[in-house]
Amino acid sequence: MTDLTGRTIVVTGAGGGIGAAISRRIADSGARVVGLDSARSDGVRDFDVTDPRLWAALADELGTEGVHGLVNCAGITRRTRLDAVTVDDMNAAYSVNVVGPMLAIQALSPLMPPGASIVNIGSIAALTGHYPIAYTTSKWALRGLTHTSALTLGEKGIRVNIVHPGFIDTAMSASAPTEFRTSSIAETDLGRAGTPDEVAGTVEYLLGDVATYTTGAEITVDGGATSHGGVKSISDALLRSAVRR
């Protein structure tokens, strides 16, 4: 277990799913967690990540103790395809999934000492041409934010990395059609959905001292879904054909 004792770490999207799992795990490792979410719950503040005034107020509040870590996990999805997507869909996804992390980094990085760590939560949709255009393009943009931030903050000793979950059992994935789950698992090497705790373990690693020379990295936690580049379904079909012969 990574020792995060005495460190203040801000986690957005902390009210459920992956964000809640990250918050629990790093709290167990000794961190003081400042959990933020769009809905208040136990130990989590009601917070709009797209509001720069709230970020400025939080920075003022945390200024004396500093911030040692930031996990940008808040995110929304819009499942419309190219022929149906609207400007509102695009703006909503971009505001939460890209502008929110940008505001967080702007507000909190000045409070971070050398050795601090920022982890953005992307998606395997940021590595592929996934069909929900608003969500996919916003996560591709988050990759750009990650790399430019790593370049800018590296001279201060602050690390910035991004983790790309695959199909993870959360409330968000549960809201998708059954066919989405079935097809996603079929394209996953390990043949199952992941858990929020499995993503949280990778985030904990990036927040800790064992990852002090890791910045600008992209790490998939996807059961192998992106490693084959879409070939798994072809491979499975050929194997079934060979068995029938």
Protein backbone atom coordinates (compact mmCIF):
# COMPACT_ATOMS: atom_id res chain seq x y z
CA MET A 1 0.00 0.00 0.00
CA THR A 2 1.23 3.48 -0.89
CA ASP A 3 1.86 5.75 2.10
CA LEU A 4 0.05 9.06 1.56
CA THR A 5 0.08 10.13 5.19
CA GLY A 6 -0.10 13.87 5.71
CA ARG A 7 -1.01 14.67 2.11
CA THR A 8 -4.06 16.65 1.03
CA ILE A 9 -5.55 15.27 -2.16
CA VAL A 10 -8.53 16.75 -4.00
CA VAL A 11 -10.78 14.29 -5.85
CA THR A 12 -13.57 15.40 -8.17
CA GLY A 13 -16.44 13.08 -8.97
CA ALA A 14 -15.95 11.64 -5.49
CA GLY A 15 -19.61 10.90 -4.86
CA GLY A 16 -19.73 7.54 -6.60
CA GLY A 17 -18.16 5.03 -8.94
CA ILE A 18 -14.47 5.38 -9.68
CA GLY A 19 -14.13 8.67 -7.80
CA ALA A 20 -15.56 7.19 -4.61
CA ALA A 21 -13.28 4.15 -4.90
CA ILE A 22 -10.25 6.41 -5.33
CA SER A 23 -11.27 8.49 -2.32
CA ARG A 24 -11.66 5.44 -0.10
CA ARG A 25 -8.39 3.89 -1.19
CA ILE A 26 -6.21 6.96 -0.72
CA ALA A 27 -7.91 7.76 2.60
CA ASP A 28 -6.97 4.26 3.76
CA SER A 29 -3.40 5.13 2.69
CA GLY A 30 -3.38 8.13 5.02
CA ALA A 31 -4.38 11.00 2.75
CA ARG A 32 -6.69 13.81 3.77
CA VAL A 33 -9.25 13.66 0.97
CA VAL A 34 -11.16 16.72 -0.18
CA GLY A 35 -13.99 15.09 -2.10
CA LEU A 36 -16.02 17.13 -4.59
CA ASP A 37 -19.09 16.13 -6.58
CA SER A 38 -22.09 17.65 -8.31
CA ALA A 39 -24.29 16.25 -5.52
CA ARG A 40 -23.49 16.40 -1.81
CA SER A 41 -23.09 13.11 0.05
CA ASP A 42 -21.32 11.89 3.18
CA GLY A 43 -17.88 13.50 3.26
CA VAL A 44 -18.30 14.99 -0.21
CA ARG A 45 -18.96 18.64 -1.02
CA ASP A 46 -21.53 19.86 -3.54
CA PHE A 47 -19.30 21.39 -6.21
CA ASP A 48 -19.61 22.51 -9.83
CA VAL A 49 -16.24 21.82 -11.46
CA THR A 50 -17.03 24.23 -14.30
CA ASP A 51 -17.32 27.26 -11.97
CA PRO A 52 -14.00 29.15 -11.67
CA ARG A 53 -15.27 31.03 -8.61
CA LEU A 54 -15.64 27.81 -6.66
CA TRP A 55 -12.11 26.75 -7.60
CA ALA A 56 -10.74 30.13 -6.48
CA ALA A 57 -12.56 29.81 -3.15
CA LEU A 58 -11.25 26.27 -2.63
CA ALA A 59 -7.70 27.42 -3.40
CA ASP A 60 -8.03 30.17 -0.80
CA GLU A 61 -9.28 27.64 1.74
CA LEU A 62 -6.46 25.17 1.12
CA GLY A 63 -3.73 27.76 0.69
CA THR A 64 -2.18 27.39 4.13
CA GLU A 65 -1.87 23.59 4.06
CA GLY A 66 -1.13 23.18 0.37
CA VAL A 67 -2.30 20.49 -2.01
CA HIS A 68 -0.25 17.37 -2.69
CA GLY A 69 -2.49 15.66 -5.20
CA LEU A 70 -5.41 16.21 -7.55
CA VAL A 71 -7.56 13.58 -9.24
CA ASN A 72 -9.85 14.90 -11.97
CA CYS A 73 -12.47 12.17 -12.08
CA ALA A 74 -15.71 14.12 -12.59
CA GLY A 75 -17.16 13.37 -15.98
CA ILE A 76 -20.37 13.13 -17.96
CA THR A 77 -21.35 11.24 -21.07
CA ARG A 78 -23.49 12.10 -24.07
CA ARG A 79 -24.20 9.01 -26.19
CA THR A 80 -25.47 10.74 -29.33
CA ARG A 81 -23.83 9.88 -32.64
CA LEU A 82 -22.51 12.28 -35.29
CA ASP A 83 -25.82 12.61 -37.11
CA ALA A 84 -27.73 13.55 -33.94
CA VAL A 85 -25.23 15.36 -31.71
CA THR A 86 -26.05 18.96 -30.79
CA VAL A 87 -23.96 21.96 -29.86
CA ASP A 88 -25.37 21.64 -26.33
CA ASP A 89 -24.14 18.03 -26.15
CA MET A 90 -20.66 19.06 -27.23
CA ASN A 91 -20.50 22.04 -24.87
CA ALA A 92 -21.78 20.05 -21.89
CA ALA A 93 -19.25 17.24 -22.34
CA TYR A 94 -16.38 19.62 -22.97
CA SER A 95 -17.25 21.86 -20.00
CA VAL A 96 -17.20 19.06 -17.44
CA ASN A 97 -14.64 16.70 -18.98
CA VAL A 98 -12.04 19.26 -20.11
CA VAL A 99 -12.71 22.75 -18.76
CA GLY A 100 -13.32 21.38 -15.26
CA PRO A 101 -9.89 19.68 -15.06
CA MET A 102 -8.24 22.75 -16.59
CA LEU A 103 -9.77 25.02 -13.92
CA ALA A 104 -8.73 22.58 -11.20
CA ILE A 105 -5.14 22.50 -12.40
CA GLN A 106 -5.00 26.28 -12.77
CA ALA A 107 -6.37 26.87 -9.28
CA LEU A 108 -4.54 24.19 -7.31
CA SER A 109 -1.16 23.71 -8.98
CA PRO A 110 0.19 26.98 -7.46
CA LEU A 111 -0.42 25.36 -4.05
CA MET A 112 1.52 22.22 -4.91
CA PRO A 113 5.07 21.49 -3.75
CA PRO A 114 7.62 19.62 -5.86
CA GLY A 115 6.64 15.96 -5.94
CA ALA A 116 2.92 16.66 -6.12
CA SER A 117 0.86 14.58 -8.53
CA ILE A 118 -2.12 15.26 -10.78
CA VAL A 119 -4.07 12.35 -12.26
CA ASN A 120 -6.72 12.85 -14.94
CA ILE A 121 -9.28 10.13 -15.57
CA GLY A 122 -9.68 9.61 -19.29
CA SER A 123 -11.28 6.68 -21.08
CA ILE A 124 -10.44 4.14 -23.73
CA ALA A 125 -12.75 6.32 -25.85
CA ALA A 126 -9.79 8.73 -25.87
CA LEU A 127 -7.71 6.10 -27.68
CA THR A 128 -10.24 4.97 -30.27
CA GLY A 129 -12.87 6.29 -32.64
CA HIS A 130 -15.71 5.50 -30.24
CA TYR A 131 -19.21 6.33 -31.48
CA PRO A 132 -20.48 8.88 -28.83
CA ILE A 133 -18.93 11.92 -30.43
CA ALA A 134 -19.30 14.50 -27.63
CA TYR A 135 -17.85 12.17 -24.98
CA THR A 136 -15.11 10.82 -27.22
CA THR A 137 -13.82 14.16 -28.44
CA SER A 138 -13.83 15.59 -24.91
CA LYS A 139 -11.70 12.70 -23.65
CA TRP A 140 -9.29 13.12 -26.55
CA ALA A 141 -9.01 16.78 -25.52
CA LEU A 142 -8.28 15.71 -21.94
CA ARG A 143 -5.26 13.81 -23.26
CA GLY A 144 -3.98 17.08 -24.74
CA LEU A 145 -4.56 18.90 -21.48
CA THR A 146 -2.62 16.18 -19.67
CA HIS A 147 0.45 16.42 -21.89
CA THR A 148 0.57 20.21 -22.04
CA SER A 149 0.16 20.40 -18.26
CA ALA A 150 2.92 17.83 -17.75
CA LEU A 151 5.20 19.95 -19.94
CA THR A 152 4.34 23.18 -18.15
CA LEU A 153 4.40 21.90 -14.58
CA GLY A 154 7.37 19.57 -14.92
CA GLU A 155 9.85 22.33 -14.15
CA LYS A 156 8.11 22.76 -10.80
CA GLY A 157 8.42 19.07 -10.03
CA ILE A 158 4.70 18.45 -10.42
CA ARG A 159 3.72 15.29 -12.30
CA VAL A 160 0.64 14.99 -14.54
CA ASN A 161 -0.61 11.66 -15.87
CA ILE A 162 -3.82 10.19 -17.29
CA VAL A 163 -5.51 6.86 -16.62
CA HIS A 164 -7.83 5.35 -19.23
CA PRO A 165 -10.45 2.98 -17.77
CA GLY A 166 -12.15 0.47 -20.00
CA PHE A 167 -15.58 -0.98 -19.28
CA ILE A 168 -15.92 -0.53 -15.52
CA ASP A 169 -19.03 -1.44 -13.52
CA THR A 170 -20.34 1.94 -12.38
CA ALA A 171 -23.68 3.77 -12.38
CA MET A 172 -22.65 5.45 -15.64
CA SER A 173 -21.94 2.18 -17.43
CA ALA A 174 -25.08 0.63 -15.94
CA SER A 175 -27.16 3.27 -17.71
CA ALA A 176 -25.93 2.07 -21.11
CA PRO A 177 -27.89 -0.45 -23.22
CA THR A 178 -27.34 -4.14 -22.45
CA GLU A 179 -25.77 -4.57 -25.87
CA PHE A 180 -23.09 -2.03 -24.94
CA ARG A 181 -22.05 -4.07 -21.91
CA THR A 182 -22.11 -7.38 -23.78
CA SER A 183 -20.12 -6.06 -26.72
CA SER A 184 -17.61 -4.25 -24.52
CA ILE A 185 -16.85 -7.34 -22.49
CA ALA A 186 -16.59 -9.40 -25.68
CA GLU A 187 -13.80 -7.06 -26.84
CA THR A 188 -11.93 -7.29 -23.51
CA ASP A 189 -9.05 -9.76 -23.31
CA LEU A 190 -9.84 -10.68 -19.70
CA GLY A 191 -13.47 -11.33 -20.60
CA ARG A 192 -15.07 -9.34 -17.79
CA ALA A 193 -15.88 -5.84 -16.64
CA GLY A 194 -13.44 -4.04 -14.39
CA THR A 195 -14.16 -2.66 -10.93
CA PRO A 196 -13.70 0.89 -9.64
CA ASP A 197 -11.16 -0.43 -7.12
CA GLU A 198 -8.96 -1.72 -9.95
CA VAL A 199 -8.79 1.77 -11.42
CA ALA A 200 -8.22 3.25 -7.96
CA GLY A 201 -5.12 1.11 -7.47
CA THR A 202 -3.44 2.61 -10.53
CA VAL A 203 -4.37 6.13 -9.43
CA GLU A 204 -2.95 5.48 -5.97
CA TYR A 205 0.32 4.35 -7.56
CA LEU A 206 0.58 7.56 -9.59
CA LEU A 207 -0.11 9.70 -6.51
CA GLY A 208 2.63 8.01 -4.50
CA ASP A 209 6.39 8.18 -4.28
CA VAL A 210 7.04 5.03 -6.31
CA ALA A 211 5.99 6.96 -9.42
CA THR A 212 8.23 10.00 -8.94
CA TYR A 213 9.73 9.79 -12.45
CA THR A 214 6.43 9.14 -14.22
CA THR A 215 4.81 12.14 -15.90
CA GLY A 216 3.00 12.67 -19.17
CA ALA A 217 2.12 8.97 -19.14
CA GLU A 218 -1.07 7.32 -20.34
CA ILE A 219 -2.00 4.12 -18.53
CA THR A 220 -4.89 1.89 -19.59
CA VAL A 221 -6.89 -0.07 -17.03
CA ASP A 222 -9.07 -1.85 -19.55
CA GLY A 223 -8.53 -5.59 -19.32
CA GLY A 224 -6.65 -5.47 -22.62
CA ALA A 225 -9.51 -3.94 -24.63
CA THR A 226 -7.31 -1.48 -26.52
CA SER A 227 -4.21 -3.63 -26.84
CA HIS A 228 -5.48 -5.62 -29.82
CA GLY A 229 -6.72 -2.63 -31.82
CA GLY A 230 -10.08 -4.24 -32.58
CA VAL A 231 -8.71 -7.59 -33.70
CA LYS A 232 -10.24 -9.68 -30.90
CA SER A 233 -13.63 -10.05 -32.57
CA ILE A 234 -11.88 -11.17 -35.78
CA SER A 235 -9.70 -13.61 -33.86
CA ASP A 236 -12.70 -15.05 -31.99
CA ALA A 237 -14.68 -15.45 -35.21
CA LEU A 238 -11.80 -17.31 -36.88
CA LEU A 239 -11.39 -19.56 -33.85
CA ARG A 240 -15.09 -20.46 -33.89
CA SER A 241 -14.83 -21.17 -37.62
CA ALA A 242 -11.81 -23.44 -37.10
CA VAL A 243 -13.60 -25.39 -34.37
CA ARG A 244 -16.60 -26.00 -36.65
CA ARG A 245 -14.30 -27.45 -39.28
